[in-house]
């Protein structure tokens, strides 16, 4: 009796929950891989990639405009270093953006490759047999015939005419179509991989550089001659640059002279002479916007233009300390252009100037301004600085900014000294420090030279993605069955269909198939 009680007590004790077995390293790796290659993860990574590209449009980028980056750092003493540590000044080369890019690449491959084998098996599979209860399907019709006859053969012909893949069974026909829908999905994902490969190829082996060239001057395709140069990670310096050279012979620009769009550029083009190699014959080309010059896989684009005043600066000893064009950068639509002129070799004091070149100068309420972008009344409005000669440090300086930390502005009659010059005029500097002459002006053009080897591949990926998306949206996967059976001595034909996606005209198609199979006659009316 006690044994029975012990067994009853033992059986009444609650069972302890079983501890699941440890996953182990292999299990965790398998779980991580499944999470990474899921469609949900791929969509999240794609969203993060688009979100991560936003700072590349809002924050100045070192690869595009390092001067703006320097200005941002100087203006934002607290926020600037934070942005720099986060890589926001070079988004597309930052570690976090590259990590999202690579994870998305791996996720897409993990999504596509297994689905290829599943899709291949689906292509080889036969259309399924009809289910037992066809009348439960969303599309269903039935009618009676006097005898079985050739109903199944007629159904086979009709379904094949409607681009179904047909399989004959005993007393029934099974048909299926719409396999290209999954092919469209696979093509779309494969196209994203192709586009990512193209972008990665271009970022690794391509380059992009900009250079400002004054009309009459030349440019040789070497890294040292670029103002800004952004090479790919696998780029190998001058060894990977095609050895072409060019000279800007002339530049022509036309502006709208009246109307609400007065001052808008209607046409600007540069006349170039170029050589593809040092030994190649010289050729000419008219460079225009959206009509680049193609040279050995690289493209030369015309990005912008401006003015370069030609100035001669003499120091206090009468020697020429600076002579030549100084490119000024446009600040508004009327091409009021700011620039600096440096004469560090002037003696006994170094000289520097900054101010504006006004192509069509007028005297406004706030002083001289430009009212039109063309050179109708050019003037130079500037101020000057002087300082002790400084030893050369070898540190690069911007040609568009004047370091005034060790300079003093000229004074005249107790006020800051400013001067206004027309072409051909000369003004002496205060305290017999020298003179400055405005000899005239030239135009400059800003050129971009780029080589992006993966562009065609990325473009092909985008076009294939559109094609795949169209297939996934407009192809309707559908199954249809036709069965002939005896029912209480009558021959009944059942036609049923099933949409494997959103219902799109299934009932109309079933009705059309039924109508093509039903013989004419009063005994063949459709049964409820």
Protein backbone atom coordinates (compact mmCIF):
# COMPACT_ATOMS: atom_id res chain seq x y z
CA UNK A 1 0.00 0.00 0.00
CA UNK A 2 2.84 2.36 0.83
CA UNK A 3 4.43 1.65 -2.58
CA UNK A 4 1.25 2.68 -4.27
CA UNK A 5 1.10 5.89 -2.25
CA UNK A 6 4.74 6.66 -3.10
CA UNK A 7 4.09 6.15 -6.78
CA UNK A 8 0.99 8.37 -6.64
CA UNK A 9 2.93 11.08 -4.78
CA UNK A 10 5.80 10.87 -7.24
CA UNK A 11 3.46 11.12 -10.19
CA UNK A 12 1.66 14.12 -8.69
CA UNK A 13 4.86 16.17 -8.40
CA UNK A 14 5.11 18.86 -11.08
CA UNK A 15 7.66 18.05 -13.73
CA UNK A 16 10.64 20.33 -13.83
CA UNK A 17 10.88 22.26 -17.07
CA UNK A 18 13.40 20.77 -19.41
CA UNK A 19 16.42 22.90 -20.23
CA UNK A 20 16.88 23.40 -23.98
CA UNK A 21 20.19 22.18 -25.28
CA UNK A 22 22.90 24.75 -25.77
CA UNK A 23 23.12 26.08 -29.33
CA UNK A 24 26.88 26.04 -29.48
CA UNK A 25 29.08 28.01 -31.83
CA UNK A 26 27.75 26.33 -34.98
CA UNK A 27 24.17 26.90 -33.89
CA UNK A 28 24.76 30.57 -33.21
CA UNK A 29 26.50 31.00 -36.56
CA UNK A 30 23.61 29.28 -38.33
CA UNK A 31 21.09 31.49 -36.50
CA UNK A 32 23.08 34.65 -37.33
CA UNK A 33 23.28 33.66 -40.99
CA UNK A 34 19.53 33.05 -41.17
CA UNK A 35 18.81 36.42 -39.61
CA UNK A 36 21.25 38.21 -41.90
CA UNK A 37 19.90 36.60 -45.08
CA UNK A 38 16.23 37.17 -44.29
CA UNK A 39 14.22 39.51 -46.46
CA UNK A 40 13.35 41.63 -43.43
CA UNK A 41 17.04 42.24 -42.69
CA UNK A 42 17.75 43.10 -46.33
CA UNK A 43 14.98 45.71 -46.32
CA UNK A 44 16.24 47.19 -43.03
CA UNK A 45 19.79 47.41 -44.40
CA UNK A 46 18.54 49.00 -47.61
CA UNK A 47 16.70 51.60 -45.54
CA UNK A 48 19.79 52.22 -43.41
CA UNK A 49 21.90 52.65 -46.55
CA UNK A 50 19.51 55.29 -47.87
CA UNK A 51 19.37 56.94 -44.46
CA UNK A 52 23.16 56.91 -44.16
CA UNK A 53 23.50 58.68 -47.51
CA UNK A 54 21.51 61.69 -46.23
CA UNK A 55 24.48 63.31 -44.40
CA UNK A 56 26.44 63.04 -47.64
CA UNK A 57 24.00 65.55 -49.16
CA UNK A 58 23.58 67.84 -46.15
CA UNK A 59 27.11 67.96 -44.69
CA UNK A 60 30.10 69.27 -46.75
CA UNK A 61 32.20 66.39 -48.07
CA UNK A 62 35.98 66.40 -48.18
CA UNK A 63 36.01 64.60 -51.52
CA UNK A 64 33.85 67.30 -53.14
CA UNK A 65 34.71 70.59 -51.44
CA UNK A 66 37.45 70.49 -48.77
CA UNK A 67 37.31 74.27 -48.43
CA UNK A 68 33.71 74.12 -47.21
CA UNK A 69 34.73 71.41 -44.77
CA UNK A 70 37.46 73.66 -43.38
CA UNK A 71 35.00 76.55 -43.12
CA UNK A 72 32.50 74.31 -41.29
CA UNK A 73 35.15 73.18 -38.81
CA UNK A 74 36.21 76.78 -38.20
CA UNK A 75 32.62 77.95 -37.70
CA UNK A 76 31.48 75.04 -35.49
CA UNK A 77 34.13 74.44 -32.85
CA UNK A 78 32.03 71.88 -30.93
CA UNK A 79 29.94 70.21 -33.62
CA UNK A 80 32.72 70.04 -36.21
CA UNK A 81 35.02 67.59 -34.32
CA UNK A 82 32.01 65.38 -33.52
CA UNK A 83 31.10 65.22 -37.20
CA UNK A 84 34.72 64.46 -38.02
CA UNK A 85 34.88 61.54 -35.57
CA UNK A 86 31.61 60.15 -36.95
CA UNK A 87 32.97 60.32 -40.50
CA UNK A 88 30.23 62.67 -41.67
CA UNK A 89 32.69 64.70 -43.76
CA UNK A 90 33.52 61.60 -45.80
CA UNK A 91 30.34 59.52 -45.52
CA UNK A 92 30.90 57.13 -48.39
CA UNK A 93 34.33 56.08 -47.11
CA UNK A 94 33.38 55.86 -43.44
CA UNK A 95 33.58 52.55 -41.60
CA UNK A 96 29.89 52.52 -40.66
CA UNK A 97 28.67 53.19 -44.21
CA UNK A 98 31.01 50.52 -45.60
CA UNK A 99 29.71 48.05 -42.97
CA UNK A 100 26.08 48.67 -44.00
CA UNK A 101 27.08 48.34 -47.66
CA UNK A 102 28.88 45.02 -47.16
CA UNK A 103 26.15 43.57 -44.92
CA UNK A 104 23.51 44.47 -47.51
CA UNK A 105 25.63 42.84 -50.21
CA UNK A 106 25.98 39.63 -48.19
CA UNK A 107 22.29 39.67 -47.22
CA UNK A 108 21.16 39.95 -50.83
CA UNK A 109 23.42 37.11 -51.92
CA UNK A 110 22.09 34.98 -49.07
CA UNK A 111 18.52 35.79 -50.16
CA UNK A 112 18.99 35.13 -53.86
CA UNK A 113 21.18 32.02 -54.03
CA UNK A 114 18.94 29.65 -52.02
CA UNK A 115 15.85 30.89 -53.85
CA UNK A 116 17.48 30.08 -57.19
CA UNK A 117 17.53 26.36 -56.37
CA UNK A 118 13.93 26.52 -55.10
CA UNK A 119 12.88 28.29 -58.29
CA UNK A 120 14.71 25.74 -60.45
CA UNK A 121 12.84 22.92 -58.71
CA UNK A 122 9.56 24.76 -59.21
CA UNK A 123 10.24 25.09 -62.94
CA UNK A 124 10.74 21.33 -63.24
CA UNK A 125 7.73 20.44 -61.09
CA UNK A 126 4.48 19.33 -62.75
CA UNK A 127 1.27 21.29 -62.21
CA UNK A 128 -0.45 19.77 -59.17
CA UNK A 129 -3.37 17.36 -59.26
CA UNK A 130 -6.84 18.87 -58.73
CA UNK A 131 -7.94 19.01 -55.10
CA UNK A 132 -10.87 16.86 -54.00
CA UNK A 133 -13.35 19.71 -53.54
CA UNK A 134 -12.98 22.10 -56.44
CA UNK A 135 -16.15 23.90 -55.46
CA UNK A 136 -14.38 25.38 -52.45
CA UNK A 137 -11.98 27.36 -54.62
CA UNK A 138 -12.64 31.09 -55.21
CA UNK A 139 -13.16 30.57 -58.95
CA UNK A 140 -15.53 27.70 -59.78
CA UNK A 141 -18.04 26.77 -62.47
CA UNK A 142 -19.64 23.50 -63.58
CA UNK A 143 -21.81 22.25 -66.37
CA UNK A 144 -23.13 18.95 -67.74
CA UNK A 145 -22.42 17.23 -71.03
CA UNK A 146 -24.01 14.22 -72.68
CA UNK A 147 -20.71 12.31 -72.74
CA UNK A 148 -17.13 12.87 -71.77
CA UNK A 149 -16.07 13.22 -75.40
CA UNK A 150 -13.09 15.43 -76.04
CA UNK A 151 -13.62 17.88 -73.17
CA UNK A 152 -10.19 17.24 -71.65
CA UNK A 153 -8.45 17.60 -75.01
CA UNK A 154 -10.30 20.83 -75.65
CA UNK A 155 -9.36 22.02 -72.15
CA UNK A 156 -5.71 21.22 -72.83
CA UNK A 157 -5.75 23.23 -76.06
CA UNK A 158 -7.56 26.16 -74.44
CA UNK A 159 -5.23 26.32 -71.45
CA UNK A 160 -2.10 26.12 -73.58
CA UNK A 161 -3.49 28.92 -75.73
CA UNK A 162 -3.71 30.95 -72.53
CA UNK A 163 -0.01 30.22 -71.82
CA UNK A 164 -0.62 27.67 -69.08
CA UNK A 165 1.72 24.75 -68.50
CA UNK A 166 -0.55 21.70 -68.68
CA UNK A 167 -0.38 18.26 -67.13
CA UNK A 168 -2.95 15.55 -67.86
CA UNK A 169 -4.22 13.29 -65.09
CA UNK A 170 -6.84 10.58 -65.04
CA UNK A 171 -10.12 12.35 -65.70
CA UNK A 172 -8.63 15.79 -65.13
CA UNK A 173 -6.24 18.43 -66.39
CA UNK A 174 -4.02 20.55 -64.15
CA UNK A 175 -2.50 23.80 -65.39
CA UNK A 176 -0.28 26.49 -63.95
CA UNK A 177 1.23 29.74 -65.14
CA UNK A 178 2.95 32.83 -63.74
CA UNK A 179 6.41 31.38 -63.05
CA UNK A 180 7.96 34.61 -64.33
CA UNK A 181 6.65 36.40 -61.25
CA UNK A 182 9.22 34.68 -59.06
CA UNK A 183 11.79 35.17 -61.82
CA UNK A 184 11.02 38.91 -61.62
CA UNK A 185 11.57 38.88 -57.86
CA UNK A 186 14.88 37.06 -58.28
CA UNK A 187 15.93 39.37 -61.11
CA UNK A 188 15.12 42.41 -58.96
CA UNK A 189 17.30 41.18 -56.08
CA UNK A 190 20.07 40.06 -58.43
CA UNK A 191 19.98 43.51 -60.06
CA UNK A 192 20.54 45.15 -56.68
CA UNK A 193 23.63 42.98 -56.24
CA UNK A 194 24.78 43.97 -59.73
CA UNK A 195 24.28 47.66 -58.95
CA UNK A 196 26.17 47.32 -55.66
CA UNK A 197 29.05 45.60 -57.45
CA UNK A 198 29.14 48.39 -60.04
CA UNK A 199 29.21 51.09 -57.37
CA UNK A 200 31.89 49.23 -55.41
CA UNK A 201 33.98 48.74 -58.54
CA UNK A 202 33.83 52.44 -59.34
CA UNK A 203 34.66 53.50 -55.78
CA UNK A 204 37.63 51.13 -55.63
CA UNK A 205 39.26 51.69 -59.01
CA UNK A 206 37.88 55.06 -60.09
CA UNK A 207 38.85 58.61 -59.32
CA UNK A 208 37.40 62.11 -59.51
CA UNK A 209 39.26 65.40 -59.48
CA UNK A 210 38.50 69.06 -60.12
CA UNK A 211 40.75 71.78 -61.40
CA UNK A 212 40.32 75.47 -62.14
CA UNK A 213 42.01 76.50 -65.39
CA UNK A 214 42.37 80.10 -66.55
CA UNK A 215 41.69 80.64 -70.25
CA UNK A 216 44.99 80.39 -72.10
CA UNK A 217 46.52 77.99 -69.57
CA UNK A 218 46.87 74.23 -69.76
CA UNK A 219 46.42 71.17 -67.61
CA UNK A 220 48.19 67.81 -67.52
CA UNK A 221 46.50 64.81 -65.98
CA UNK A 222 48.70 64.35 -62.92
CA UNK A 223 47.65 64.28 -59.27
CA UNK A 224 49.78 67.33 -58.44
CA UNK A 225 47.85 69.58 -60.85
CA UNK A 226 44.41 68.92 -59.37
CA UNK A 227 42.84 71.34 -56.90
CA UNK A 228 40.82 68.50 -55.36
CA UNK A 229 41.44 64.82 -56.01
CA UNK A 230 39.41 61.89 -54.71
CA UNK A 231 40.93 58.51 -55.63
CA UNK A 232 39.42 55.07 -55.08
CA UNK A 233 40.82 52.81 -52.41
CA UNK A 234 42.58 50.63 -54.99
CA UNK A 235 43.78 53.59 -57.07
CA UNK A 236 47.52 53.67 -57.73
CA UNK A 237 48.34 57.35 -58.16
CA UNK A 238 49.74 58.68 -61.42
CA UNK A 239 50.28 55.13 -62.67
CA UNK A 240 46.51 54.73 -63.15
CA UNK A 241 45.95 58.16 -64.73
CA UNK A 242 45.77 58.37 -68.54
CA UNK A 243 48.56 60.71 -69.73
CA UNK A 244 46.44 63.30 -71.54
CA UNK A 245 46.86 67.07 -71.47
CA UNK A 246 44.70 69.96 -72.58
CA UNK A 247 44.73 73.73 -73.04
CA UNK A 248 41.72 76.01 -72.64
CA UNK A 249 41.96 78.22 -75.72
CA UNK A 250 38.74 80.20 -75.31
CA UNK A 251 35.54 80.42 -73.31
CA UNK A 252 32.23 81.86 -74.47
CA UNK A 253 29.16 82.60 -72.39
CA UNK A 254 25.77 84.16 -73.12
CA UNK A 255 23.41 85.54 -70.49
CA UNK A 256 19.71 86.36 -70.64
CA UNK A 257 19.58 90.15 -71.03
CA UNK A 258 15.94 90.85 -70.16
CA UNK A 259 12.80 89.30 -68.75
CA UNK A 260 12.19 87.60 -65.39
CA UNK A 261 15.24 85.37 -65.91
CA UNK A 262 17.61 88.20 -66.65
CA UNK A 263 21.20 87.19 -65.95
CA UNK A 264 20.62 83.44 -66.35
CA UNK A 265 23.30 81.63 -68.35
CA UNK A 266 21.89 80.43 -71.66
CA UNK A 267 25.04 78.99 -73.12
CA UNK A 268 28.62 78.53 -72.07
CA UNK A 269 31.25 76.48 -73.84
CA UNK A 270 35.01 76.12 -73.79
CA UNK A 271 37.29 75.53 -76.76
CA UNK A 272 39.95 72.93 -75.90
CA UNK A 273 43.08 71.66 -77.58
CA UNK A 274 44.09 68.27 -76.23
CA UNK A 275 46.51 65.38 -76.68
CA UNK A 276 45.66 61.86 -75.50
CA UNK A 277 49.37 61.08 -75.03
CA UNK A 278 52.46 63.30 -75.20
CA UNK A 279 53.26 61.90 -78.68
CA UNK A 280 49.69 62.00 -80.02
CA UNK A 281 48.58 64.67 -82.48
CA UNK A 282 46.79 67.70 -81.09
CA UNK A 283 43.01 67.76 -81.50
CA UNK A 284 40.26 70.28 -80.79
CA UNK A 285 36.99 69.89 -78.92
CA UNK A 286 34.13 72.19 -77.93
CA UNK A 287 33.35 71.35 -74.30
CA UNK A 288 29.78 72.04 -73.18
CA UNK A 289 27.58 71.15 -70.23
CA UNK A 290 26.46 67.49 -70.46
CA UNK A 291 28.80 66.95 -73.42
CA UNK A 292 32.01 65.69 -71.79
CA UNK A 293 35.27 64.99 -73.53
CA UNK A 294 36.05 61.24 -73.42
CA UNK A 295 39.73 60.40 -73.06
CA UNK A 296 40.95 56.84 -72.49
CA UNK A 297 38.12 55.87 -70.13
CA UNK A 298 38.07 59.25 -68.36
CA UNK A 299 35.55 62.03 -68.88
CA UNK A 300 36.23 65.77 -68.72
CA UNK A 301 33.18 67.80 -67.67
CA UNK A 302 32.58 71.55 -67.66
CA UNK A 303 31.26 72.43 -64.20
CA UNK A 304 31.46 76.20 -63.88
CA UNK A 305 33.18 79.42 -64.82
CA UNK A 306 34.21 82.77 -63.39
CA UNK A 307 36.62 85.68 -63.62
CA UNK A 308 40.33 85.97 -62.87
CA UNK A 309 41.57 89.58 -62.56
CA UNK A 310 45.12 90.12 -63.86
CA UNK A 311 47.03 92.14 -61.31
CA UNK A 312 50.57 93.44 -60.86
CA UNK A 313 51.79 94.13 -57.30
CA UNK A 314 55.02 96.07 -56.68
CA UNK A 315 56.57 96.24 -53.23
CA UNK A 316 58.13 99.19 -51.43
CA UNK A 317 61.45 98.59 -53.19
CA UNK A 318 59.85 98.83 -56.65
CA UNK A 319 60.18 95.13 -57.42
CA UNK A 320 57.32 93.08 -58.90
CA UNK A 321 56.11 90.84 -56.06
CA UNK A 322 53.14 89.35 -57.94
CA UNK A 323 51.95 89.43 -61.53
CA UNK A 324 49.30 87.35 -63.24
CA UNK A 325 45.69 86.22 -63.01
CA UNK A 326 44.09 85.51 -59.64
CA UNK A 327 40.88 83.40 -59.83
CA UNK A 328 37.96 84.90 -57.91
CA UNK A 329 34.98 82.75 -56.88
CA UNK A 330 31.40 83.86 -57.68
CA UNK A 331 29.27 84.62 -54.63
CA UNK A 332 25.90 85.32 -56.26
CA UNK A 333 24.01 85.05 -59.54
CA UNK A 334 25.45 88.39 -60.72
CA UNK A 335 28.96 86.98 -60.34
CA UNK A 336 30.14 89.27 -57.59
CA UNK A 337 33.35 87.31 -57.08
CA UNK A 338 35.48 87.16 -53.96
CA UNK A 339 39.18 86.46 -54.07
CA UNK A 340 42.58 87.15 -52.58
CA UNK A 341 45.96 88.17 -53.94
CA UNK A 342 49.09 87.12 -52.04
CA UNK A 343 52.53 88.66 -52.37
CA UNK A 344 54.64 86.90 -49.70
CA UNK A 345 57.89 87.83 -51.47
CA UNK A 346 57.26 91.59 -51.19
CA UNK A 347 59.81 93.56 -49.19
CA UNK A 348 60.32 95.09 -46.73
CA UNK A 349 56.81 93.89 -45.83
CA UNK A 350 54.76 91.04 -47.22
CA UNK A 351 51.53 92.15 -48.87
CA UNK A 352 48.08 90.64 -49.21
CA UNK A 353 44.79 91.80 -50.68
CA UNK A 354 41.20 90.58 -50.56
CA UNK A 355 37.99 91.88 -52.02
CA UNK A 356 35.58 91.59 -54.91
CA UNK A 357 35.66 91.62 -58.66
CA UNK A 358 32.40 93.13 -59.98
CA UNK A 359 31.75 92.38 -63.68
CA UNK A 360 29.02 95.05 -63.96
CA UNK A 361 29.70 97.45 -61.10
CA UNK A 362 27.33 100.14 -59.90
CA UNK A 363 27.31 102.20 -56.71
CA UNK A 364 24.44 101.06 -54.51
CA UNK A 365 23.24 102.08 -51.07
CA UNK A 366 25.72 99.67 -49.46
CA UNK A 367 28.57 100.44 -51.83
CA UNK A 368 29.67 98.95 -55.14
CA UNK A 369 27.73 95.90 -56.32
CA UNK A 370 27.38 93.90 -59.53
CA UNK A 371 23.99 94.03 -61.24
CA UNK A 372 24.70 91.68 -64.18
CA UNK A 373 26.97 88.64 -64.58
CA UNK A 374 28.54 89.71 -67.87
CA UNK A 375 31.57 92.03 -68.06
CA UNK A 376 29.81 95.29 -68.94
CA UNK A 377 31.57 97.55 -66.38
CA UNK A 378 34.27 95.54 -64.57
CA UNK A 379 35.85 96.93 -61.42
CA UNK A 380 38.04 95.64 -58.62
CA UNK A 381 37.05 96.60 -55.05
CA UNK A 382 39.57 95.50 -52.44
CA UNK A 383 41.51 96.23 -49.27
CA UNK A 384 45.14 95.53 -48.42
CA UNK A 385 47.22 94.06 -45.57
CA UNK A 386 50.88 94.06 -44.66
CA UNK A 387 53.05 92.09 -42.26
CA UNK A 388 56.53 90.91 -41.44
CA UNK A 389 58.04 88.29 -43.76
CA UNK A 390 57.46 84.79 -42.39
CA UNK A 391 59.67 81.74 -42.89
CA UNK A 392 58.39 79.07 -45.27
CA UNK A 393 56.77 76.20 -43.40
CA UNK A 394 55.79 74.00 -46.36
CA UNK A 395 52.23 73.83 -45.02
CA UNK A 396 49.70 74.06 -47.88
CA UNK A 397 47.43 77.09 -47.94
CA UNK A 398 44.24 77.84 -49.79
CA UNK A 399 44.66 80.21 -52.72
CA UNK A 400 41.16 81.51 -52.00
CA UNK A 401 41.73 82.53 -48.36
CA UNK A 402 44.09 85.04 -46.77
CA UNK A 403 45.56 84.19 -43.37
CA UNK A 404 45.24 87.52 -41.56
CA UNK A 405 46.42 86.30 -38.17
CA UNK A 406 49.86 87.87 -38.71
CA UNK A 407 48.80 90.71 -41.00
CA UNK A 408 47.64 94.27 -40.32
CA UNK A 409 45.14 96.10 -42.48
CA UNK A 410 46.33 99.30 -44.12
CA UNK A 411 44.94 102.50 -42.61
CA UNK A 412 44.39 105.84 -44.29
CA UNK A 413 43.25 108.98 -42.51
CA UNK A 414 42.44 106.88 -39.45
CA UNK A 415 40.12 104.54 -41.32
CA UNK A 416 40.47 101.17 -42.99
CA UNK A 417 41.95 101.61 -46.44
CA UNK A 418 39.94 100.43 -49.45
CA UNK A 419 40.38 101.04 -53.16
CA UNK A 420 38.36 100.68 -56.35
CA UNK A 421 40.07 100.10 -59.71
CA UNK A 422 38.95 99.87 -63.33
CA UNK A 423 41.08 97.96 -65.87
CA UNK A 424 44.34 99.79 -66.56
CA UNK A 425 44.32 101.81 -63.32
CA UNK A 426 47.01 101.81 -60.60
CA UNK A 427 46.76 102.83 -56.96
CA UNK A 428 49.73 103.42 -54.61
CA UNK A 429 49.70 101.65 -51.27
CA UNK A 430 49.70 103.66 -48.04
CA UNK A 431 53.02 104.36 -46.31
CA UNK A 432 54.91 103.91 -49.62
CA UNK A 433 54.51 100.17 -49.30
CA UNK A 434 54.24 99.75 -53.08
CA UNK A 435 51.44 99.78 -55.63
CA UNK A 436 48.82 97.56 -57.25
CA UNK A 437 47.73 97.69 -60.90
CA UNK A 438 44.56 96.21 -62.36
CA UNK A 439 45.78 95.13 -65.82
CA UNK A 440 42.56 93.45 -66.96
CA UNK A 441 40.87 90.11 -66.46
CA UNK A 442 40.54 86.66 -67.94
CA UNK A 443 37.91 84.00 -67.54
CA UNK A 444 38.43 80.64 -65.88
CA UNK A 445 36.61 77.34 -66.18
CA UNK A 446 36.21 74.62 -63.59
CA UNK A 447 36.77 71.14 -65.01
CA UNK A 448 36.00 67.79 -63.46
CA UNK A 449 37.91 64.73 -64.60
CA UNK A 450 36.39 61.44 -63.51
CA UNK A 451 36.78 57.77 -64.19
CA UNK A 452 34.03 55.45 -62.90
CA UNK A 453 34.58 51.98 -64.37
CA UNK A 454 31.48 50.46 -62.75
CA UNK A 455 28.95 52.95 -64.16
CA UNK A 456 27.75 50.72 -67.01
CA UNK A 457 27.39 47.77 -64.64
CA UNK A 458 25.43 49.83 -62.12
CA UNK A 459 23.20 51.21 -64.89
CA UNK A 460 22.55 47.69 -66.19
CA UNK A 461 21.62 46.67 -62.65
CA UNK A 462 19.12 49.53 -62.37
CA UNK A 463 17.52 48.69 -65.73
CA UNK A 464 17.27 45.00 -64.84
CA UNK A 465 15.79 45.93 -61.47
CA UNK A 466 13.05 47.89 -63.23
CA UNK A 467 12.43 44.93 -65.55
CA UNK A 468 12.28 42.52 -62.61
CA UNK A 469 9.96 44.81 -60.68
CA UNK A 470 7.61 44.99 -63.66
CA UNK A 471 7.57 41.19 -63.86
CA UNK A 472 6.79 40.83 -60.17
CA UNK A 473 3.98 43.39 -60.39
CA UNK A 474 2.26 42.43 -63.65
CA UNK A 475 2.71 38.65 -63.87
CA UNK A 476 -0.19 36.78 -62.20
CA UNK A 477 0.63 33.29 -60.88
CA UNK A 478 -2.46 31.15 -61.22
CA UNK A 479 -3.55 27.50 -61.14
CA UNK A 480 -6.52 26.09 -63.06
CA UNK A 481 -8.09 22.64 -63.13
CA UNK A 482 -10.64 20.96 -65.37
CA UNK A 483 -12.16 17.72 -64.15
CA UNK A 484 -14.74 15.40 -65.72
CA UNK A 485 -16.63 13.00 -63.44
CA UNK A 486 -19.83 11.00 -63.23
CA UNK A 487 -22.52 12.16 -60.83
CA UNK A 488 -25.70 10.06 -60.56
CA UNK A 489 -25.36 8.91 -64.14
CA UNK A 490 -24.62 12.41 -65.44
CA UNK A 491 -21.31 13.66 -66.86
CA UNK A 492 -20.28 16.79 -64.99
CA UNK A 493 -17.41 19.11 -66.00
CA UNK A 494 -15.87 21.26 -63.26
CA UNK A 495 -13.63 24.24 -63.98
CA UNK A 496 -11.89 25.88 -61.03
CA UNK A 497 -9.04 28.28 -60.50
CA UNK A 498 -6.85 29.69 -57.75
CA UNK A 499 -4.89 32.93 -57.73
CA UNK A 500 -1.54 32.65 -55.94
CA UNK A 501 -1.57 36.34 -55.24
CA UNK A 502 -4.11 39.18 -55.22
CA UNK A 503 -7.25 38.21 -57.12
CA UNK A 504 -7.14 39.80 -60.57
CA UNK A 505 -9.93 38.77 -62.92
CA UNK A 506 -9.98 35.11 -61.89
CA UNK A 507 -13.75 34.77 -62.25
CA UNK A 508 -13.74 36.25 -65.76
CA UNK A 509 -11.05 33.84 -66.89
CA UNK A 510 -12.82 30.80 -65.41
CA UNK A 511 -16.03 31.88 -67.12
CA UNK A 512 -14.23 32.28 -70.47
CA UNK A 513 -12.64 28.82 -70.18
CA UNK A 514 -16.02 27.31 -69.26
CA UNK A 515 -17.69 29.01 -72.19
CA UNK A 516 -15.09 27.64 -74.62
CA UNK A 517 -15.59 24.08 -73.33
CA UNK A 518 -19.40 23.98 -73.02
CA UNK A 519 -21.16 22.63 -76.12
CA UNK A 520 -24.15 24.55 -77.36
CA UNK A 521 -27.52 23.16 -76.32
CA UNK A 522 -30.25 23.56 -73.71
CA UNK A 523 -29.04 20.59 -71.69
CA UNK A 524 -25.75 22.28 -70.98
CA UNK A 525 -26.90 25.18 -68.89
CA UNK A 526 -24.58 26.04 -66.00
CA UNK A 527 -25.59 24.39 -62.75
CA UNK A 528 -25.50 26.22 -59.41
